[in-house]
Protein backbone atom coordinates (compact mmCIF):
# COMPACT_ATOMS: atom_id res chain seq x y z
CA MET A 1 21.43 21.04 -15.53
CA GLU A 2 19.32 23.67 -13.76
CA LEU A 3 18.45 21.06 -11.13
CA LEU A 4 22.14 20.30 -10.63
CA ARG A 5 22.95 24.00 -10.15
CA LYS A 6 20.23 24.29 -7.52
CA TRP A 7 21.56 21.26 -5.64
CA LEU A 8 25.16 22.48 -5.74
CA GLY A 9 23.93 25.65 -4.06
CA HIS A 10 22.41 23.60 -1.23
CA PRO A 11 24.73 20.64 -0.52
CA GLU A 12 22.94 19.81 2.74
CA ASP A 13 19.83 19.07 0.64
CA ILE A 14 21.76 16.49 -1.39
CA TYR A 15 23.11 14.81 1.71
CA ASN A 16 19.66 14.66 3.33
CA LEU A 17 17.94 13.42 0.16
CA LEU A 18 20.39 10.52 0.09
CA ARG A 19 20.11 9.89 3.83
CA PHE A 20 16.30 10.09 3.65
CA LYS A 21 15.97 7.69 0.73
CA MET A 22 18.52 5.25 2.15
CA GLY A 23 16.50 4.73 5.33
CA GLY A 24 16.60 7.98 7.25
CA TYR A 25 12.86 8.49 6.74
CA ARG A 26 12.21 5.49 8.98
CA ALA A 27 13.22 7.61 11.98
CA VAL A 28 10.38 10.08 11.40
CA MET A 29 7.94 7.98 9.36
CA PRO A 30 8.29 4.27 10.13
CA ARG A 31 6.23 1.92 8.00
CA MET A 32 3.05 0.45 9.48
CA ASP A 33 2.17 -3.24 9.13
CA THR A 34 -1.32 -3.21 7.61
CA ASP A 35 -1.51 -7.01 7.18
CA SER A 36 -2.55 -7.44 10.82
CA LEU A 37 -5.49 -5.04 10.46
CA GLY A 38 -9.09 -6.02 9.91
CA CYS A 39 -10.68 -5.58 6.49
CA GLY A 40 -12.48 -2.32 7.39
CA LEU A 41 -9.45 -0.66 8.94
CA ARG A 42 -7.27 -1.75 6.01
CA THR A 43 -9.78 -0.09 3.68
CA CYS A 44 -9.63 3.11 5.75
CA TYR A 45 -5.83 3.25 5.48
CA ARG A 46 -6.13 2.67 1.73
CA TYR A 47 -8.47 5.68 1.49
CA LEU A 48 -6.05 7.65 3.65
CA ASN A 49 -3.21 6.95 1.23
CA GLN A 50 -5.40 7.75 -1.77
CA THR A 51 -6.59 11.12 -0.42
CA SER A 52 -3.27 12.33 1.00
CA ARG A 53 0.00 10.42 0.78
CA SER A 54 1.83 12.96 2.92
CA PHE A 55 -0.74 12.95 5.73
CA ALA A 56 -0.90 9.16 5.50
CA ALA A 57 2.83 8.91 6.13
CA VAL A 58 2.80 11.02 9.31
CA ILE A 59 -0.45 9.52 10.64
CA GLN A 60 0.83 5.97 10.21
CA ALA A 61 3.92 6.89 12.22
CA LEU A 62 1.85 7.69 15.33
CA ASP A 63 2.06 5.32 18.28
CA GLY A 64 -0.55 2.81 19.44
CA GLU A 65 -4.30 3.24 19.18
CA LEU A 66 -3.88 6.98 18.58
CA ARG A 67 -2.86 6.12 15.00
CA HIS A 68 -6.26 4.58 14.21
CA ALA A 69 -8.18 7.37 15.95
CA VAL A 70 -6.36 10.05 13.93
CA CYS A 71 -6.81 8.07 10.70
CA ILE A 72 -10.58 7.91 11.22
CA PHE A 73 -10.66 11.57 12.33
CA TYR A 74 -8.90 12.57 9.11
CA LEU A 75 -11.25 10.53 6.89
CA VAL A 76 -14.39 11.86 8.61
CA LEU A 77 -13.21 15.45 8.10
CA ARG A 78 -12.15 14.66 4.53
CA ALA A 79 -15.68 13.41 3.84
CA LEU A 80 -17.14 16.56 5.40
CA ASP A 81 -14.75 18.73 3.38
CA THR A 82 -15.71 16.89 0.20
CA VAL A 83 -19.35 17.82 0.78
CA GLU A 84 -18.37 21.47 1.31
CA ASP A 85 -16.19 21.57 -1.83
CA ASP A 86 -18.71 19.86 -4.15
CA MET A 87 -20.28 22.66 -6.17
CA SER A 88 -22.74 20.20 -7.76
CA ILE A 89 -24.64 19.82 -4.47
CA PRO A 90 -27.44 22.45 -4.25
CA LEU A 91 -27.23 24.70 -1.20
CA ASP A 92 -30.64 23.59 0.07
CA VAL A 93 -29.18 20.07 0.23
CA LYS A 94 -25.62 20.94 1.27
CA VAL A 95 -26.39 23.16 4.28
CA PRO A 96 -28.49 20.53 6.12
CA MET A 97 -25.86 17.88 5.26
CA LEU A 98 -23.12 19.96 6.82
CA HIS A 99 -25.19 20.62 9.94
CA GLU A 100 -26.13 16.97 10.38
CA PHE A 101 -22.95 15.28 9.17
CA HIS A 102 -21.82 14.33 12.68
CA SER A 103 -25.03 12.32 13.14
CA TYR A 104 -24.18 10.17 10.10
CA LEU A 105 -21.35 8.65 12.14
CA TYR A 106 -23.98 6.72 14.07
CA GLN A 107 -26.07 5.73 11.02
CA PRO A 108 -24.52 2.48 9.72
CA ASP A 109 -26.03 2.70 6.24
CA TRP A 110 -25.60 6.39 5.48
CA LYS A 111 -23.61 7.23 2.35
CA TYR A 112 -23.67 9.79 -0.43
CA THR A 113 -23.24 8.56 -3.98
CA GLU A 114 -23.85 11.70 -6.06
CA SER A 115 -20.62 13.60 -5.44
CA LYS A 116 -18.46 14.63 -8.38
CA GLU A 117 -15.35 15.36 -6.28
CA LYS A 118 -12.10 13.42 -6.67
CA ASP A 119 -12.28 12.13 -3.07
CA ARG A 120 -15.89 10.95 -3.41
CA GLN A 121 -14.97 7.39 -2.32
CA VAL A 122 -14.96 8.53 1.32
CA LEU A 123 -18.63 9.50 0.89
CA GLU A 124 -19.59 6.50 -1.23
CA ASP A 125 -18.09 4.08 1.28
CA PHE A 126 -18.85 6.11 4.39
CA PRO A 127 -20.42 3.01 6.03
CA THR A 128 -16.93 1.46 6.31
CA ILE A 129 -15.50 4.64 7.85
CA SER A 130 -18.41 5.08 10.27
CA MET A 131 -18.17 1.40 11.27
CA GLU A 132 -14.52 1.82 12.23
CA PHE A 133 -15.42 5.07 14.00
CA ARG A 134 -17.93 3.19 16.18
CA LYS A 135 -15.23 0.66 17.07
CA LEU A 136 -13.05 3.36 18.62
CA SER A 137 -13.05 3.99 22.37
CA LYS A 138 -15.89 6.32 23.41
CA VAL A 139 -13.41 9.02 24.44
CA TYR A 140 -12.16 9.19 20.84
CA GLN A 141 -15.66 9.02 19.38
CA ASP A 142 -16.81 11.95 21.48
CA VAL A 143 -13.94 14.16 20.28
CA ILE A 144 -14.39 13.29 16.60
CA SER A 145 -18.16 13.74 16.66
CA ASP A 146 -17.94 17.07 18.51
CA ILE A 147 -15.33 18.54 16.15
CA CYS A 148 -17.23 17.26 13.10
CA HIS A 149 -20.39 18.98 14.36
CA LYS A 150 -18.68 22.32 15.04
CA MET A 151 -16.82 22.24 11.73
CA GLY A 152 -19.96 21.44 9.74
CA VAL A 153 -21.80 24.39 11.30
CA GLY A 154 -18.86 26.69 10.57
CA MET A 155 -18.53 25.53 6.97
CA ALA A 156 -22.23 26.15 6.39
CA GLU A 157 -21.87 29.69 7.79
CA PHE A 158 -19.19 30.60 5.24
CA LEU A 159 -20.78 28.93 2.20
CA GLU A 160 -22.41 32.16 1.03
CA LYS A 161 -20.30 34.56 3.07
CA LYS A 162 -17.01 36.09 2.01
CA VAL A 163 -14.18 36.74 4.44
CA ASP A 164 -14.35 40.49 5.10
CA SER A 165 -12.55 41.39 8.32
CA GLN A 166 -9.38 39.96 9.83
CA HIS A 167 -11.58 38.73 12.68
CA GLU A 168 -13.67 36.78 10.16
CA TRP A 169 -10.45 35.44 8.60
CA ASP A 170 -9.48 34.07 12.00
CA LYS A 171 -12.98 32.68 12.43
CA TYR A 172 -12.97 30.95 9.04
CA CYS A 173 -9.51 29.50 9.67
CA HIS A 174 -10.71 28.33 13.10
CA TYR A 175 -13.59 26.41 11.55
CA VAL A 176 -11.54 24.68 8.85
CA ALA A 177 -8.18 24.24 10.63
CA GLY A 178 -8.19 25.50 14.22
CA LEU A 179 -10.85 22.94 15.13
CA VAL A 180 -8.63 20.25 13.62
CA GLY A 181 -5.80 21.35 15.91
CA ILE A 182 -8.15 21.33 18.90
CA GLY A 183 -9.52 17.90 18.00
CA LEU A 184 -6.09 16.39 17.48
CA SER A 185 -4.89 17.84 20.79
CA ARG A 186 -7.84 16.30 22.60
CA LEU A 187 -7.08 12.95 20.94
CA PHE A 188 -3.42 13.20 22.03
CA SER A 189 -4.48 13.75 25.63
CA ALA A 190 -7.19 11.07 25.47
CA SER A 191 -4.56 8.55 24.36
CA GLU A 192 -2.53 9.47 27.48
CA LEU A 193 0.54 9.87 25.28
CA GLU A 194 0.37 13.57 26.16
CA ASP A 195 -0.62 15.48 29.30
CA SER A 196 -4.17 16.73 29.74
CA ILE A 197 -3.06 20.37 29.32
CA VAL A 198 -2.34 19.70 25.63
CA GLY A 199 -6.00 18.98 24.99
CA GLN A 200 -7.31 21.60 27.41
CA ASP A 201 -5.41 24.63 26.06
CA THR A 202 -7.59 25.27 23.04
CA GLU A 203 -6.04 28.67 22.33
CA LEU A 204 -2.62 27.18 21.56
CA ALA A 205 -4.16 24.26 19.62
CA ASN A 206 -6.19 26.75 17.57
CA SER A 207 -3.04 28.73 16.75
CA MET A 208 -1.39 25.55 15.42
CA GLY A 209 -4.21 25.18 12.90
CA LEU A 210 -4.45 28.88 12.04
CA PHE A 211 -0.74 29.14 11.24
CA LEU A 212 -0.98 26.26 8.75
CA GLN A 213 -4.25 27.42 7.19
CA LYS A 214 -3.15 31.03 6.76
CA THR A 215 0.07 29.82 5.13
CA ASN A 216 -1.94 27.74 2.64
CA ILE A 217 -4.32 30.63 1.90
CA ILE A 218 -1.46 33.08 1.36
CA ARG A 219 0.52 30.72 -0.87
CA ASP A 220 -2.52 29.61 -2.92
CA TYR A 221 -3.69 33.09 -3.96
CA LEU A 222 -3.38 32.47 -7.71
CA GLU A 223 -4.78 28.94 -7.67
CA ASP A 224 -7.81 30.08 -5.67
CA GLN A 225 -8.36 33.01 -8.02
CA MET A 226 -8.30 30.70 -11.02
CA GLU A 227 -10.93 28.48 -9.39
CA GLY A 228 -13.15 31.35 -8.29
CA ARG A 229 -12.34 31.17 -4.57
CA GLU A 230 -11.45 34.12 -2.34
CA PHE A 231 -10.01 33.66 1.15
CA TRP A 232 -7.85 36.76 1.60
CA PRO A 233 -9.65 39.16 4.00
CA ARG A 234 -11.23 42.18 2.30
CA GLU A 235 -10.19 44.42 5.20
CA VAL A 236 -6.57 43.91 4.13
CA TRP A 237 -6.63 43.59 0.34
CA SER A 238 -9.07 46.50 -0.15
CA ARG A 239 -6.30 48.84 1.00
CA TYR A 240 -4.24 47.77 -2.02
CA ALA A 241 -6.77 47.11 -4.81
CA LYS A 242 -10.40 47.59 -5.81
CA LYS A 243 -10.85 43.85 -6.43
CA LEU A 244 -8.85 40.94 -5.07
CA SER A 245 -8.25 39.71 -8.61
CA ASP A 246 -6.58 43.05 -9.46
CA LEU A 247 -3.54 42.05 -7.39
CA ALA A 248 -2.55 39.62 -10.16
CA LYS A 249 -2.32 42.42 -12.75
CA PRO A 250 1.28 43.40 -13.61
CA GLU A 251 0.61 47.09 -13.07
CA ASN A 252 -0.44 46.36 -9.47
CA ILE A 253 2.49 44.12 -8.51
CA ASP A 254 4.05 46.53 -5.99
CA ALA A 255 0.77 46.96 -4.09
CA ALA A 256 0.15 43.21 -4.35
CA VAL A 257 3.46 42.39 -2.69
CA GLN A 258 2.75 44.87 0.10
CA CYS A 259 -0.62 43.18 0.69
CA LEU A 260 1.11 39.80 0.71
CA ASN A 261 3.64 41.00 3.28
CA GLU A 262 0.88 42.28 5.56
CA LEU A 263 -0.87 38.90 5.54
CA ILE A 264 2.39 37.05 6.20
CA THR A 265 2.99 39.38 9.14
CA ASN A 266 -0.46 38.45 10.45
CA ALA A 267 0.39 34.74 10.21
CA LEU A 268 3.74 35.18 11.96
CA HIS A 269 1.96 36.25 15.15
CA HIS A 270 0.95 32.58 15.69
CA VAL A 271 4.54 31.29 15.82
CA PRO A 272 5.19 31.93 19.56
CA ASP A 273 2.02 29.93 20.34
CA VAL A 274 3.25 27.15 18.04
CA LEU A 275 6.55 26.96 19.92
CA THR A 276 4.83 26.92 23.31
CA TYR A 277 2.51 24.13 22.14
CA LEU A 278 5.36 22.00 20.77
CA SER A 279 7.42 22.50 23.95
CA ARG A 280 4.71 20.66 25.92
CA LEU A 281 4.79 17.48 23.83
CA LYS A 282 6.48 14.39 25.30
CA ASN A 283 5.81 11.60 22.81
CA GLN A 284 8.23 11.52 19.87
CA SER A 285 5.69 10.34 17.29
CA VAL A 286 3.25 13.09 18.31
CA PHE A 287 6.03 15.69 18.23
CA ASN A 288 7.08 14.69 14.71
CA PHE A 289 3.44 14.67 13.58
CA CYS A 290 2.91 18.22 14.86
CA ALA A 291 6.30 19.80 14.19
CA ILE A 292 6.88 18.79 10.56
CA PRO A 293 3.91 20.74 9.08
CA GLN A 294 4.81 23.79 11.18
CA VAL A 295 8.42 24.00 9.95
CA MET A 296 7.20 23.46 6.38
CA ALA A 297 4.85 26.40 6.91
CA ILE A 298 7.50 28.82 8.17
CA ALA A 299 9.76 27.83 5.25
CA THR A 300 6.87 28.44 2.85
CA LEU A 301 6.15 31.88 4.33
CA ALA A 302 9.83 32.81 4.04
CA ALA A 303 9.74 31.76 0.36
CA CYS A 304 6.56 33.79 -0.24
CA TYR A 305 7.57 36.95 1.62
CA ASN A 306 8.10 39.93 -0.70
CA ASN A 307 7.92 37.49 -3.63
CA GLN A 308 6.11 38.59 -6.81
CA GLN A 309 5.91 34.94 -7.90
CA VAL A 310 2.93 34.39 -5.56
CA PHE A 311 0.88 36.41 -8.10
CA LYS A 312 2.40 34.81 -11.19
CA GLY A 313 2.69 31.09 -10.45
CA VAL A 314 3.45 28.56 -7.75
CA VAL A 315 5.85 29.12 -4.86
CA LYS A 316 7.20 25.89 -3.40
CA ILE A 317 10.06 24.96 -1.14
CA ARG A 318 12.69 22.65 -2.62
CA LYS A 319 12.22 18.89 -2.16
CA GLY A 320 15.65 18.63 -0.60
CA GLN A 321 14.82 21.54 1.68
CA ALA A 322 11.61 19.80 2.77
CA VAL A 323 13.48 16.58 3.50
CA THR A 324 16.08 18.49 5.51
CA LEU A 325 13.30 20.05 7.58
CA MET A 326 11.70 16.66 8.19
CA MET A 327 14.98 15.12 9.28
CA ASP A 328 15.84 18.04 11.58
CA ALA A 329 12.52 18.86 13.25
CA THR A 330 12.60 16.10 15.86
CA ASN A 331 13.05 18.14 19.06
CA ILE A 332 11.98 21.54 20.34
CA GLN A 333 15.44 23.12 20.22
CA ALA A 334 15.86 22.13 16.57
CA VAL A 335 12.42 23.52 15.74
CA LYS A 336 13.26 26.80 17.49
CA ALA A 337 16.46 27.01 15.43
CA ILE A 338 14.48 26.41 12.24
CA MET A 339 11.92 29.10 13.12
CA TYR A 340 14.73 31.51 13.98
CA GLN A 341 16.51 30.83 10.68
CA TYR A 342 13.46 31.46 8.52
CA VAL A 343 12.30 34.62 10.27
CA GLU A 344 15.84 35.92 9.81
CA GLU A 345 15.41 35.23 6.08
CA ILE A 346 12.21 37.28 6.17
CA TYR A 347 13.97 40.04 8.09
CA GLN A 348 16.73 40.21 5.47
CA LYS A 349 14.16 40.56 2.67
CA MET A 350 12.02 43.17 4.44
CA PRO A 351 11.86 46.46 2.49
CA SER A 352 12.21 49.52 4.73
CA THR A 353 9.43 51.16 2.68
CA ASP A 354 6.93 48.36 3.25
CA PRO A 355 3.79 49.67 5.03
CA SER A 356 3.82 46.64 7.39
CA CYS A 357 7.54 46.94 8.13
CA ARG A 358 7.17 47.98 11.78
CA ARG A 359 4.59 45.28 12.54
CA THR A 360 6.72 42.67 10.78
CA GLN A 361 9.70 43.70 12.89
CA GLN A 362 7.60 43.34 16.05
CA ALA A 363 6.39 39.87 15.02
CA ILE A 364 9.95 38.79 14.26
CA ALA A 365 11.17 40.15 17.61
CA ALA A 366 8.56 38.05 19.42
CA ILE A 367 9.63 34.93 17.50
CA ARG A 368 13.30 35.62 18.20
CA ALA A 369 12.52 35.91 21.91
CA ALA A 370 10.58 32.63 21.86
CA SER A 371 13.23 30.85 19.77
CA LEU A 372 16.41 31.82 21.58
CA PRO A 373 17.29 29.11 24.12
CA ALA A 374 19.12 29.62 27.40
CA GLY A 375 22.15 27.88 25.93
CA PRO A 376 23.77 28.09 22.48
CA MET A 377 21.43 27.96 19.52
CA ALA A 378 21.20 24.48 18.03
CA SER A 379 22.96 24.54 14.68
CA ARG A 380 21.06 23.42 11.60
CA HIS A 381 24.24 23.13 9.54
CA HIS A 382 25.85 20.27 11.40
CA TYR A 383 27.23 18.27 8.48
CA SER A 384 30.97 17.94 8.28
CA PRO A 385 32.82 19.39 5.28
CA ILE A 386 33.82 15.92 4.08
CA TYR A 387 30.14 14.84 3.88
CA LEU A 388 29.20 17.99 1.99
CA SER A 389 32.13 17.63 -0.40
CA CYS A 390 31.20 14.02 -1.14
CA ALA A 391 27.60 15.02 -1.67
CA MET A 392 28.60 17.71 -4.16
CA LEU A 393 30.87 15.30 -6.02
CA LEU A 394 28.11 12.72 -6.15
CA ALA A 395 25.71 15.32 -7.53
CA ALA A 396 28.16 16.31 -10.24
CA LEU A 397 28.64 12.67 -11.28
CA SER A 398 25.05 11.46 -11.04
CA TRP A 399 22.64 14.40 -11.15
CA GLN A 400 20.22 12.47 -13.36
CA TYR A 401 19.92 9.70 -10.78
CA LEU A 402 19.30 12.23 -8.03
CA SER A 403 16.57 13.83 -10.13
CA THR A 404 14.73 10.53 -10.14
CA LEU A 405 15.42 10.10 -6.43
CA SER A 406 13.95 13.53 -5.70
CA LYS A 407 10.69 12.54 -7.37
CA ALA A 408 10.66 9.27 -5.45
CA THR A 409 10.75 11.08 -2.12
CA GLU A 410 7.68 13.15 -2.96
CA GLU A 411 5.24 10.76 -1.29
CA TYR A 412 6.99 11.37 2.02
CA VAL A 413 7.26 15.13 1.76
CA GLN A 414 4.52 17.48 2.86
CA ALA A 415 5.33 20.72 1.17
CA GLY A 416 1.95 22.32 0.94
CA ASP A 417 -0.61 19.53 1.02
CA ASN A 418 -3.96 20.96 2.21
């Protein structure tokens, strides 16, 4: 009954869960016909679905040949990331692999069969991925190879190096996510679905990646601690604790939350760049692909802000909330309204005694200025009372069915997939 109470508090979630499951998802994530693909490309899309169902859904919704280029780009970087994550590979083997990984794209027989990671199939069958890579237009190959090279070098740099300063935090996030944003933007422009400025403005593309990566790092504090990983910058957390792990101790919870709020404030500074980037996009499939993760991120930050639960368990946005965001974030005015709504939530939760309070206010002011349109703000609560009443009645009568439905939508919802 707890699930029912949550839904009754958010009737728009119920309505959108129903609309999403009954075909609304086709508008943002249409199904792709894989029967017409060659054997190698079909295998690549199978690996894509196995490694990330949520990314697979948005990638397969892209238009034309861009879809295949982004699919291969994702799998190449997933293979590279699998090498980085595999703690069973000795450093004297791993570092040269990371540096040279881009060259393996042009070696038809190269594969790695000794990985212990869950996504090891992309290394074991790398010949299929590299074959499909070599079938892409040269303009796509050049982008993918270049980003793979730069990312491999960056990953190797941080293998034995902890993130100390905020500058190094930005640098690390650039290597693992900003470069992805830059690469994707260059692919968008190369496909001619987007203007050349999208691929040329690397600063905005980098901010797209940094906003997502910082959100993941902030949210995943406890999980990373449990697995022996540290990505919060020492320059920030050392002002609140002697060791990063100390933030999880109950006696340090007040300082921990203040540290959390400072990092969220840092991440919020990327939002104006995100909005400028999205405002340049013309193709609907590219817009959906880019906008959906960004609105999920701002909702996640709003859920994490001033929230002790980050240090005690998992903070997630509701499934219905995620579906609502996906259904709404289809144009720039709607995205601006979403950003505005969630920074207002942060503003309402901001303690006046928080050490970062003034900086948070400044970041929010910049987002408000970037979000407010010339005309009336697009409403995110545009469902008529009769729809909401029917949705609430339906929930009261069939909450168990909706519980099953909520789980069924999970493969379409990206609510924190790395």
